[in-house]
N, C-alpha and C. Protein backbone atom coordinates (compact mmCIF):
# COMPACT_ATOMS: atom_id res chain seq x y z
N MET A 1 136.24 6.19 -22.82
CA MET A 1 137.28 5.17 -22.84
C MET A 1 138.31 5.40 -21.75
N THR A 2 138.51 6.65 -21.36
CA THR A 2 139.50 6.93 -20.31
C THR A 2 139.01 6.46 -18.94
N ILE A 3 137.70 6.25 -18.79
CA ILE A 3 137.17 5.77 -17.53
C ILE A 3 137.67 4.36 -17.23
N LEU A 4 137.98 3.59 -18.28
CA LEU A 4 138.50 2.24 -18.08
C LEU A 4 139.86 2.26 -17.38
N ILE A 5 140.61 3.33 -17.58
CA ILE A 5 141.91 3.45 -16.91
C ILE A 5 141.72 3.52 -15.39
N ILE A 6 140.59 4.02 -14.96
CA ILE A 6 140.30 4.12 -13.52
C ILE A 6 139.58 2.86 -13.03
N LEU A 7 138.61 2.37 -13.80
CA LEU A 7 137.77 1.28 -13.33
C LEU A 7 138.47 -0.07 -13.31
N VAL A 8 139.34 -0.34 -14.26
CA VAL A 8 140.01 -1.64 -14.31
C VAL A 8 140.92 -1.84 -13.09
N PRO A 9 141.78 -0.87 -12.71
CA PRO A 9 142.57 -1.08 -11.49
C PRO A 9 141.73 -1.19 -10.22
N ILE A 10 140.63 -0.45 -10.17
CA ILE A 10 139.75 -0.55 -9.00
C ILE A 10 139.12 -1.94 -8.92
N ALA A 11 138.68 -2.48 -10.06
CA ALA A 11 138.09 -3.81 -10.08
C ALA A 11 139.13 -4.87 -9.69
N LEU A 12 140.34 -4.73 -10.19
CA LEU A 12 141.40 -5.67 -9.82
C LEU A 12 141.73 -5.58 -8.34
N LEU A 13 141.76 -4.38 -7.81
CA LEU A 13 142.04 -4.20 -6.38
C LEU A 13 140.94 -4.82 -5.53
N LEU A 14 139.69 -4.61 -5.90
CA LEU A 14 138.58 -5.20 -5.13
C LEU A 14 138.59 -6.72 -5.22
N GLY A 15 138.92 -7.26 -6.38
CA GLY A 15 139.04 -8.70 -6.51
C GLY A 15 140.15 -9.27 -5.65
N PHE A 16 141.27 -8.57 -5.61
CA PHE A 16 142.40 -9.01 -4.78
C PHE A 16 142.04 -8.94 -3.29
N VAL A 17 141.35 -7.90 -2.88
CA VAL A 17 140.92 -7.78 -1.48
C VAL A 17 139.97 -8.91 -1.11
N GLY A 18 139.06 -9.26 -2.01
CA GLY A 18 138.14 -10.37 -1.76
C GLY A 18 138.88 -11.69 -1.66
N LEU A 19 139.88 -11.89 -2.51
CA LEU A 19 140.67 -13.12 -2.46
C LEU A 19 141.47 -13.21 -1.16
N VAL A 20 142.04 -12.11 -0.73
CA VAL A 20 142.79 -12.09 0.53
C VAL A 20 141.86 -12.38 1.71
N ALA A 21 140.66 -11.81 1.69
CA ALA A 21 139.70 -12.06 2.77
C ALA A 21 139.28 -13.53 2.80
N PHE A 22 139.11 -14.14 1.63
CA PHE A 22 138.72 -15.55 1.57
C PHE A 22 139.84 -16.44 2.08
N VAL A 23 141.07 -16.17 1.68
CA VAL A 23 142.21 -16.97 2.16
C VAL A 23 142.38 -16.80 3.66
N TRP A 24 142.18 -15.58 4.16
CA TRP A 24 142.28 -15.34 5.60
C TRP A 24 141.21 -16.15 6.35
N SER A 25 139.99 -16.19 5.81
CA SER A 25 138.93 -16.93 6.49
C SER A 25 139.20 -18.43 6.46
N LEU A 26 139.82 -18.92 5.41
CA LEU A 26 140.20 -20.34 5.38
C LEU A 26 141.24 -20.65 6.45
N LYS A 27 142.25 -19.80 6.57
CA LYS A 27 143.30 -20.04 7.56
C LYS A 27 142.81 -19.83 8.99
N ALA A 28 141.78 -19.01 9.17
CA ALA A 28 141.24 -18.75 10.50
C ALA A 28 140.29 -19.86 10.96
N GLY A 29 139.95 -20.79 10.05
CA GLY A 29 139.10 -21.91 10.43
C GLY A 29 137.62 -21.62 10.35
N GLN A 30 137.21 -20.69 9.53
CA GLN A 30 135.79 -20.35 9.42
C GLN A 30 134.97 -21.47 8.80
N TYR A 31 135.58 -22.34 8.03
CA TYR A 31 134.85 -23.39 7.32
C TYR A 31 135.11 -24.77 7.91
N ASP A 32 135.60 -24.84 9.13
CA ASP A 32 135.91 -26.13 9.73
C ASP A 32 134.66 -26.91 10.13
N ASP A 33 133.67 -26.23 10.69
CA ASP A 33 132.46 -26.89 11.19
C ASP A 33 131.26 -26.47 10.36
N MET A 34 131.08 -27.11 9.23
CA MET A 34 130.00 -26.72 8.32
C MET A 34 128.62 -27.19 8.81
N ASP A 35 128.55 -28.27 9.58
CA ASP A 35 127.26 -28.79 10.03
C ASP A 35 126.88 -28.32 11.43
N GLY A 36 127.77 -27.69 12.13
CA GLY A 36 127.51 -27.30 13.51
C GLY A 36 126.38 -26.30 13.66
N ALA A 37 126.34 -25.29 12.81
CA ALA A 37 125.30 -24.26 12.93
C ALA A 37 123.92 -24.83 12.64
N SER A 38 123.82 -25.71 11.67
CA SER A 38 122.50 -26.26 11.35
C SER A 38 121.99 -27.17 12.45
N VAL A 39 122.87 -27.81 13.19
CA VAL A 39 122.45 -28.66 14.30
C VAL A 39 122.12 -27.81 15.52
N ARG A 40 122.88 -26.74 15.75
CA ARG A 40 122.63 -25.88 16.91
C ARG A 40 121.29 -25.16 16.81
N VAL A 41 120.82 -24.91 15.59
CA VAL A 41 119.51 -24.27 15.43
C VAL A 41 118.41 -25.17 15.96
N LEU A 42 118.56 -26.46 15.78
CA LEU A 42 117.53 -27.41 16.19
C LEU A 42 117.55 -27.72 17.69
N MET A 43 118.66 -27.44 18.37
CA MET A 43 118.75 -27.72 19.80
C MET A 43 117.87 -26.74 20.57
N ASP A 44 117.22 -27.24 21.60
CA ASP A 44 116.33 -26.42 22.40
C ASP A 44 117.00 -26.11 23.73
N ASP A 45 117.77 -25.04 23.76
CA ASP A 45 118.55 -24.71 24.96
C ASP A 45 117.73 -24.01 26.04
N ASP A 46 116.60 -23.36 25.68
CA ASP A 46 115.86 -22.62 26.71
C ASP A 46 115.04 -23.53 27.60
N VAL A 47 114.73 -24.72 27.13
CA VAL A 47 113.92 -25.63 27.93
C VAL A 47 114.83 -26.32 28.95
N GLU A 48 114.46 -26.16 30.22
CA GLU A 48 115.25 -26.80 31.27
C GLU A 48 114.85 -28.28 31.37
N ASP A 49 115.78 -29.08 31.79
CA ASP A 49 115.46 -30.49 32.00
C ASP A 49 114.52 -30.62 33.20
N ARG A 50 113.37 -31.20 32.95
CA ARG A 50 112.39 -31.38 34.03
C ARG A 50 112.56 -32.76 34.62
N LYS A 51 112.79 -32.78 35.91
CA LYS A 51 112.93 -34.06 36.60
C LYS A 51 111.66 -34.29 37.41
N PRO A 52 111.15 -35.53 37.36
CA PRO A 52 109.90 -35.81 38.08
C PRO A 52 110.07 -35.83 39.57
């Protein structure tokens, strides 16, 4: 039962760190372009434009 005295504050601290990291990522603009990565995967950048 005494282990809960150690584990509960550690769990709360880790939860708070995760919340701070999530809020930081929101303010940094990590979720602004949700469709950009899926479209960039489909683009074929290595193929050069061939002109006749």
